[in-house]
Amino acid sequence: MDLQRSYREDLSLFKKPSSLGAFFVLIVGLIVFPFLTLYMAGGAYYINILNLIAINAMVAVGLNILVGYTGQISLGHAGFFAIGAYAQAMLVTQVNLPLPLALVLAGLLAGLFGLLLGLPALRLEGPYLAIASLGFGLAVTQIIGRLDFLGGRMGITVPGPGFEPWLRELIGDNVSAEKAVDAPHYAIYLIVMPLCVVMTIFAVNLMKSKIGRAFVAIRDSEIAAETIGINLTRYKTLAFAVSAFYTGLAGALYAHAMGFINPESFDLRLSITFLAMVVVGGLGSVMGAHLGAILMTMLPIALTAVRNVPEIIYGAIMILVILFEPLGLRGRWLKLKFYWKTWPF
């Protein structure tokens, strides 16, 4: 067992040189992979899948802050996702704001709604909180569908990041003109992937801070947390706001990645999928959120040929995980790592 001998060791982002090396290899791989796909058949398809994984990973990390670390249940994160997506669409098409500023404002708007939802949720817990958040998510899609300036039920088209012509010229000059049509996917990748890495590092550091420790204390025992001076109102609402900000930012990126959004894209199944990512990956773990996002993004793609089966498999996977591996995919990874360290003893 690795024991921490000081707070400095506990707060360090990389506890071992091997962790730093693995992170370095990951970053290099993310940088090199787009160049490799330029010489692959269907390379833009794989880039698009990575974009979706990164977007879902941001949602899963944000939801894990609320569910895994703070112990609050939410079935309405599709609503925050929709708020971020539609806010981004309006800010770049109607207000003509620069892309970075629009992304920040879209995330903050979703965070504001998370704060407002967190206030009445202070008196709720367990299934009652889940029902309240579910009602919020359903209400958001219904309201959006009735607003004509948001496209109503017909939806709205969202433009790309804006630097596709530069990428198209670069790709066409160095590879082939045929690959130039895939420039929008690569443009989204250049935005989504760095943001996913930055937001993941921020979440890891947040959980090591005073705020993150307060979240965990509330999850373990609200009475004990209040006894030691933790303001439940402040930290519960903050957890909702931070989680909603992550989800809204991911929704804003999703709008650009898809190029078109409508209210039907943000239904109850999406909220359940987000929750499944957290449960399957591992509650209370940033790494588990990423593992869950990878699995739950790739699973529907692998089962596209089979109708109505993905919903059944979602439920079956969650039941099997709860029964046989409560810690999720991260728990299985920890067991494999422990087995490797202790082998052959």
Protein backbone atom coordinates (compact mmCIF):
# COMPACT_ATOMS: atom_id res chain seq x y z
CA MET A 1 0.00 0.00 0.00
CA ASP A 2 1.29 3.47 -0.92
CA LEU A 3 0.98 5.77 2.09
CA GLN A 4 1.10 9.55 1.80
CA ARG A 5 3.69 11.09 4.10
CA SER A 6 2.72 14.74 3.62
CA TYR A 7 -0.04 16.93 2.22
CA ARG A 8 2.26 17.88 -0.64
CA GLU A 9 2.31 14.24 -1.80
CA ASP A 10 -1.45 14.00 -1.45
CA LEU A 11 -2.00 17.15 -3.51
CA SER A 12 0.44 16.27 -6.30
CA LEU A 13 -1.15 15.68 -9.69
CA PHE A 14 1.20 12.82 -10.57
CA LYS A 15 2.15 10.68 -7.59
CA LYS A 16 4.60 8.48 -9.52
CA PRO A 17 6.93 8.97 -12.48
CA SER A 18 5.03 6.23 -14.28
CA SER A 19 1.83 8.29 -14.06
CA LEU A 20 3.61 11.30 -15.53
CA GLY A 21 5.04 9.12 -18.29
CA ALA A 22 1.62 7.65 -19.12
CA PHE A 23 0.15 11.14 -19.31
CA PHE A 24 2.95 12.26 -21.62
CA VAL A 25 2.38 9.26 -23.90
CA LEU A 26 -1.37 10.01 -23.97
CA ILE A 27 -0.81 13.63 -24.97
CA VAL A 28 1.65 12.65 -27.69
CA GLY A 29 -0.82 10.08 -28.99
CA LEU A 30 -3.63 12.64 -29.13
CA ILE A 31 -1.37 14.99 -31.08
CA VAL A 32 -0.07 12.38 -33.52
CA PHE A 33 -3.32 10.51 -34.19
CA PRO A 34 -4.98 13.19 -36.39
CA PHE A 35 -1.94 13.22 -38.67
CA LEU A 36 -2.13 9.44 -39.00
CA THR A 37 -5.82 9.55 -39.90
CA LEU A 38 -5.02 11.79 -42.87
CA TYR A 39 -3.49 8.72 -44.54
CA MET A 40 -6.24 6.31 -43.43
CA ALA A 41 -9.44 5.45 -45.24
CA GLY A 42 -12.31 6.95 -43.28
CA GLY A 43 -9.94 8.87 -41.00
CA ALA A 44 -12.49 11.60 -40.32
CA TYR A 45 -14.88 8.93 -38.98
CA TYR A 46 -12.41 8.00 -36.25
CA ILE A 47 -11.77 11.66 -35.48
CA ASN A 48 -15.50 12.19 -35.08
CA ILE A 49 -15.73 9.25 -32.68
CA LEU A 50 -12.90 10.69 -30.59
CA ASN A 51 -14.71 14.02 -30.54
CA LEU A 52 -17.86 12.37 -29.18
CA ILE A 53 -15.86 10.44 -26.58
CA ALA A 54 -14.17 13.64 -25.37
CA ILE A 55 -17.51 15.47 -25.18
CA ASN A 56 -19.14 12.62 -23.26
CA ALA A 57 -16.09 12.41 -21.00
CA MET A 58 -16.54 16.05 -19.98
CA VAL A 59 -20.19 15.39 -19.17
CA ALA A 60 -19.28 12.26 -17.20
CA VAL A 61 -16.59 14.09 -15.21
CA GLY A 62 -19.04 16.89 -14.36
CA LEU A 63 -21.81 14.47 -13.43
CA ASN A 64 -19.37 12.44 -11.33
CA ILE A 65 -18.56 15.57 -9.32
CA LEU A 66 -22.24 15.76 -8.41
CA VAL A 67 -23.14 12.07 -8.10
CA GLY A 68 -19.89 10.31 -7.27
CA TYR A 69 -18.19 12.91 -5.08
CA THR A 70 -21.12 14.84 -3.55
CA GLY A 71 -23.71 12.05 -3.45
CA GLN A 72 -26.51 13.96 -5.23
CA ILE A 73 -28.58 12.12 -7.84
CA SER A 74 -29.45 13.80 -11.14
CA LEU A 75 -31.49 12.59 -14.08
CA GLY A 76 -31.73 15.99 -15.72
CA HIS A 77 -28.27 16.58 -17.14
CA ALA A 78 -29.63 16.33 -20.67
CA GLY A 79 -31.31 19.64 -19.86
CA PHE A 80 -27.99 21.31 -19.01
CA PHE A 81 -26.53 19.73 -22.14
CA ALA A 82 -29.34 21.26 -24.22
CA ILE A 83 -28.93 24.68 -22.57
CA GLY A 84 -25.24 24.73 -23.43
CA ALA A 85 -25.87 23.59 -27.01
CA TYR A 86 -28.63 26.11 -27.76
CA ALA A 87 -26.84 28.94 -25.96
CA GLN A 88 -23.76 28.30 -28.10
CA ALA A 89 -25.87 28.22 -31.26
CA MET A 90 -27.48 31.58 -30.43
CA LEU A 91 -24.25 33.24 -29.35
CA VAL A 92 -22.33 32.36 -32.52
CA THR A 93 -25.19 32.83 -35.03
CA GLN A 94 -27.24 35.72 -33.62
CA VAL A 95 -24.81 37.62 -31.38
CA ASN A 96 -21.72 36.79 -33.48
CA LEU A 97 -19.48 36.34 -30.46
CA PRO A 98 -16.00 34.81 -30.84
CA LEU A 99 -15.96 31.07 -30.33
CA PRO A 100 -13.92 31.01 -27.06
CA LEU A 101 -16.13 33.66 -25.42
CA ALA A 102 -19.29 31.91 -26.59
CA LEU A 103 -18.11 28.60 -25.12
CA VAL A 104 -17.43 30.20 -21.73
CA LEU A 105 -20.78 32.00 -21.67
CA ALA A 106 -22.68 28.87 -22.71
CA GLY A 107 -21.05 26.91 -19.89
CA LEU A 108 -21.74 29.71 -17.38
CA LEU A 109 -25.39 29.89 -18.43
CA ALA A 110 -25.78 26.15 -17.84
CA GLY A 111 -23.96 26.59 -14.52
CA LEU A 112 -26.43 29.31 -13.54
CA PHE A 113 -29.34 26.98 -14.20
CA GLY A 114 -27.53 24.32 -12.18
CA LEU A 115 -27.25 26.78 -9.31
CA LEU A 116 -30.97 27.57 -9.53
CA LEU A 117 -31.84 23.87 -9.57
CA GLY A 118 -29.52 23.23 -6.63
CA LEU A 119 -31.37 25.66 -4.36
CA PRO A 120 -34.72 23.81 -4.19
CA ALA A 121 -32.87 20.50 -4.32
CA LEU A 122 -31.35 21.27 -0.90
CA ARG A 123 -34.49 19.93 0.76
CA LEU A 124 -34.56 16.82 -1.41
CA GLU A 125 -32.50 13.66 -1.50
CA GLY A 126 -32.52 10.20 -2.99
CA PRO A 127 -35.39 9.41 -5.38
CA TYR A 128 -37.08 12.76 -4.73
CA LEU A 129 -34.04 14.65 -5.98
CA ALA A 130 -33.84 12.35 -9.00
CA ILE A 131 -37.51 13.07 -9.84
CA ALA A 132 -37.00 16.82 -9.44
CA SER A 133 -33.96 16.83 -11.73
CA LEU A 134 -35.82 14.60 -14.19
CA GLY A 135 -38.66 17.12 -14.31
CA PHE A 136 -36.15 19.90 -14.99
CA GLY A 137 -34.59 18.02 -17.90
CA LEU A 138 -37.97 17.27 -19.48
CA ALA A 139 -39.15 20.86 -18.99
CA VAL A 140 -36.09 22.28 -20.75
CA THR A 141 -36.69 20.28 -23.93
CA GLN A 142 -40.41 21.11 -23.92
CA ILE A 143 -39.74 24.84 -23.56
CA ILE A 144 -37.07 24.85 -26.26
CA GLY A 145 -39.42 23.04 -28.63
CA ARG A 146 -42.00 25.84 -28.26
CA LEU A 147 -39.65 28.78 -28.87
CA ASP A 148 -39.57 29.75 -32.53
CA PHE A 149 -36.37 31.79 -32.28
CA LEU A 150 -34.62 28.59 -31.14
CA GLY A 151 -35.90 26.70 -34.16
CA GLY A 152 -38.79 25.00 -32.35
CA ARG A 153 -39.21 21.32 -33.08
CA MET A 154 -37.45 21.71 -36.42
CA GLY A 155 -34.10 22.43 -34.79
CA ILE A 156 -31.33 24.83 -35.69
CA THR A 157 -28.14 24.66 -37.75
CA VAL A 158 -24.87 25.41 -35.98
CA PRO A 159 -21.82 26.58 -37.98
CA GLY A 160 -18.35 25.15 -37.55
CA PRO A 161 -15.58 26.73 -35.46
CA GLY A 162 -14.66 29.11 -38.27
CA PHE A 163 -11.11 28.14 -39.17
CA GLU A 164 -12.06 25.29 -41.50
CA PRO A 165 -10.81 27.13 -44.62
CA TRP A 166 -7.30 27.30 -43.18
CA LEU A 167 -7.40 23.61 -42.29
CA ARG A 168 -8.90 22.73 -45.68
CA GLU A 169 -6.06 24.50 -47.43
CA LEU A 170 -3.47 22.87 -45.19
CA ILE A 171 -4.89 19.38 -45.62
CA GLY A 172 -5.34 19.81 -49.36
CA ASP A 173 -1.77 20.99 -49.86
CA ASN A 174 -0.14 18.26 -47.79
CA VAL A 175 -2.31 15.19 -48.40
CA SER A 176 -5.03 15.37 -51.00
CA ALA A 177 -7.94 17.52 -52.02
CA GLU A 178 -10.30 14.66 -51.17
CA LYS A 179 -9.33 14.86 -47.50
CA ALA A 180 -10.00 18.62 -47.43
CA VAL A 181 -13.75 18.02 -47.10
CA ASP A 182 -13.09 16.44 -43.67
CA ALA A 183 -11.65 19.70 -42.30
CA PRO A 184 -14.65 20.44 -39.99
CA HIS A 185 -14.07 17.22 -38.03
CA TYR A 186 -10.42 18.11 -37.51
CA ALA A 187 -11.34 21.68 -36.57
CA ILE A 188 -13.65 20.37 -33.84
CA TYR A 189 -10.91 18.00 -32.65
CA LEU A 190 -8.49 20.91 -32.19
CA ILE A 191 -10.99 22.49 -29.79
CA VAL A 192 -12.61 19.53 -28.06
CA MET A 193 -9.53 17.52 -27.15
CA PRO A 194 -7.48 20.30 -25.46
CA LEU A 195 -10.56 21.41 -23.53
CA CYS A 196 -11.22 17.84 -22.39
CA VAL A 197 -7.65 17.53 -21.08
CA VAL A 198 -7.78 20.91 -19.32
CA MET A 199 -11.18 20.27 -17.72
CA THR A 200 -10.05 16.82 -16.58
CA ILE A 201 -6.95 18.24 -14.89
CA PHE A 202 -9.11 20.95 -13.30
CA ALA A 203 -11.50 18.30 -11.92
CA VAL A 204 -8.63 16.28 -10.44
CA ASN A 205 -7.21 19.37 -8.74
CA LEU A 206 -10.67 20.45 -7.57
CA MET A 207 -11.20 17.14 -5.79
CA LYS A 208 -7.88 17.59 -3.99
CA SER A 209 -8.80 21.10 -2.81
CA LYS A 210 -10.86 22.26 0.15
CA ILE A 211 -13.96 22.34 -2.03
CA GLY A 212 -13.50 18.76 -3.22
CA ARG A 213 -12.92 17.50 0.30
CA ALA A 214 -16.11 19.25 1.38
CA PHE A 215 -18.00 17.50 -1.44
CA VAL A 216 -16.74 14.11 -0.27
CA ALA A 217 -17.58 14.90 3.35
CA ILE A 218 -21.16 15.76 2.36
CA ARG A 219 -21.42 12.51 0.42
CA ASP A 220 -20.20 10.43 3.36
CA SER A 221 -22.36 12.10 6.03
CA GLU A 222 -24.21 15.40 5.82
CA ILE A 223 -24.63 15.54 9.59
CA ALA A 224 -20.93 14.99 10.23
CA ALA A 225 -20.00 17.49 7.52
CA GLU A 226 -22.22 20.17 9.02
CA THR A 227 -20.83 19.42 12.46
CA ILE A 228 -17.27 20.21 11.36
CA GLY A 229 -18.37 23.53 9.84
CA ILE A 230 -19.16 22.73 6.19
CA ASN A 231 -21.93 24.92 4.80
CA LEU A 232 -24.27 22.42 3.15
CA THR A 233 -26.19 25.08 1.23
CA ARG A 234 -23.05 26.58 -0.29
CA TYR A 235 -21.34 23.36 -1.29
CA LYS A 236 -24.42 21.49 -2.54
CA THR A 237 -25.41 24.35 -4.82
CA LEU A 238 -21.78 24.74 -5.89
CA ALA A 239 -21.65 21.05 -6.83
CA PHE A 240 -24.74 21.49 -9.02
CA ALA A 241 -23.27 24.62 -10.62
CA VAL A 242 -19.87 23.07 -11.38
CA SER A 243 -21.46 19.89 -12.74
CA ALA A 244 -23.84 21.92 -14.91
CA PHE A 245 -20.96 24.07 -16.19
CA TYR A 246 -19.08 20.98 -17.37
CA THR A 247 -22.22 19.65 -19.05
CA GLY A 248 -23.10 22.98 -20.64
CA LEU A 249 -19.59 23.37 -22.04
CA ALA A 250 -19.79 19.85 -23.47
CA GLY A 251 -23.19 20.68 -24.96
CA ALA A 252 -21.76 23.76 -26.65
CA LEU A 253 -19.02 21.63 -28.22
CA TYR A 254 -21.60 19.00 -29.20
CA ALA A 255 -23.56 21.63 -31.13
CA HIS A 256 -20.53 22.39 -33.29
CA ALA A 257 -19.61 18.72 -33.65
CA MET A 258 -23.08 17.77 -34.90
CA GLY A 259 -23.75 20.91 -36.93
CA PHE A 260 -27.49 20.58 -36.24
CA ILE A 261 -29.48 20.23 -33.01
CA ASN A 262 -33.14 19.78 -32.14
CA PRO A 263 -35.02 19.14 -28.86
CA GLU A 264 -35.40 15.42 -29.58
CA SER A 265 -31.62 15.06 -29.29
CA PHE A 266 -31.79 15.81 -25.55
CA ASP A 267 -34.39 13.37 -24.26
CA LEU A 268 -34.56 11.21 -21.14
CA ARG A 269 -32.45 8.47 -22.73
CA LEU A 270 -29.54 10.90 -22.97
CA SER A 271 -29.73 11.63 -19.23
CA ILE A 272 -29.81 7.91 -18.49
CA THR A 273 -26.81 7.39 -20.77
CA PHE A 274 -24.88 10.08 -18.90
CA LEU A 275 -25.70 8.44 -15.57
CA ALA A 276 -24.74 5.04 -16.98
CA MET A 277 -21.31 6.41 -17.92
CA VAL A 278 -20.69 7.40 -14.30
CA VAL A 279 -22.03 4.19 -12.76
CA VAL A 280 -20.32 1.84 -15.21
CA GLY A 281 -17.04 3.75 -15.13
CA GLY A 282 -16.89 4.07 -11.36
CA LEU A 283 -18.43 6.54 -8.94
CA GLY A 284 -16.10 9.04 -7.34
CA SER A 285 -13.34 8.67 -9.92
CA VAL A 286 -12.28 10.98 -12.74
CA MET A 287 -10.59 8.05 -14.45
CA GLY A 288 -13.78 6.01 -14.10
CA ALA A 289 -15.77 8.80 -15.78
CA HIS A 290 -13.49 8.58 -18.82
CA LEU A 291 -13.69 4.78 -18.95
CA GLY A 292 -17.47 4.92 -18.76
CA ALA A 293 -17.62 7.57 -21.48
CA ILE A 294 -15.47 5.44 -23.78
CA LEU A 295 -17.60 2.34 -23.25
CA MET A 296 -21.00 4.01 -23.51
CA THR A 297 -19.95 5.95 -26.63
CA MET A 298 -18.52 2.95 -28.45
CA LEU A 299 -21.31 0.54 -27.49
CA PRO A 300 -24.10 2.13 -29.60
CA ILE A 301 -21.69 2.45 -32.53
CA ALA A 302 -20.87 -1.25 -32.30
CA LEU A 303 -24.58 -2.13 -32.14
CA THR A 304 -25.93 0.19 -34.83
CA ALA A 305 -27.05 -2.76 -36.93
CA VAL A 306 -29.31 -4.10 -34.17
CA ARG A 307 -32.53 -2.21 -33.49
CA ASN A 308 -33.67 -1.46 -29.90
CA VAL A 309 -30.91 -3.59 -28.41
CA PRO A 310 -28.67 -0.78 -27.05
CA GLU A 311 -31.34 0.31 -24.51
CA ILE A 312 -31.61 -3.26 -23.24
CA ILE A 313 -27.82 -3.60 -23.03
CA TYR A 314 -27.57 -0.31 -21.11
CA GLY A 315 -29.83 -1.68 -18.40
CA ALA A 316 -28.14 -5.09 -18.39
CA ILE A 317 -24.68 -3.54 -18.05
CA MET A 318 -25.75 -1.35 -15.13
CA ILE A 319 -27.35 -4.29 -13.35
CA LEU A 320 -24.29 -6.49 -13.86
CA VAL A 321 -21.93 -3.74 -12.73
CA ILE A 322 -23.91 -3.07 -9.56
CA LEU A 323 -24.11 -6.79 -8.77
CA PHE A 324 -20.58 -7.92 -9.56
CA GLU A 325 -18.40 -4.79 -9.71
CA PRO A 326 -19.79 -1.89 -7.61
CA LEU A 327 -16.64 0.15 -8.27
CA GLY A 328 -17.20 -0.05 -12.02
CA LEU A 329 -14.51 -0.33 -14.68
CA ARG A 330 -12.08 1.56 -12.48
CA GLY A 331 -12.57 -1.04 -9.75
CA ARG A 332 -11.73 -3.78 -12.21
CA TRP A 333 -8.64 -1.84 -13.31
CA LEU A 334 -7.49 -1.48 -9.68
CA LYS A 335 -7.92 -5.22 -9.14
CA LEU A 336 -5.90 -6.03 -12.25
CA LYS A 337 -3.17 -3.62 -11.18
CA PHE A 338 -3.07 -5.12 -7.69
CA TYR A 339 -2.90 -8.62 -9.17
CA TRP A 340 -0.01 -7.56 -11.43
CA LYS A 341 1.91 -6.06 -8.50
CA THR A 342 1.47 -9.12 -6.31
CA TRP A 343 2.08 -11.73 -9.03
CA PRO A 344 3.19 -14.49 -8.61
CA PHE A 345 2.74 -14.30 -4.82
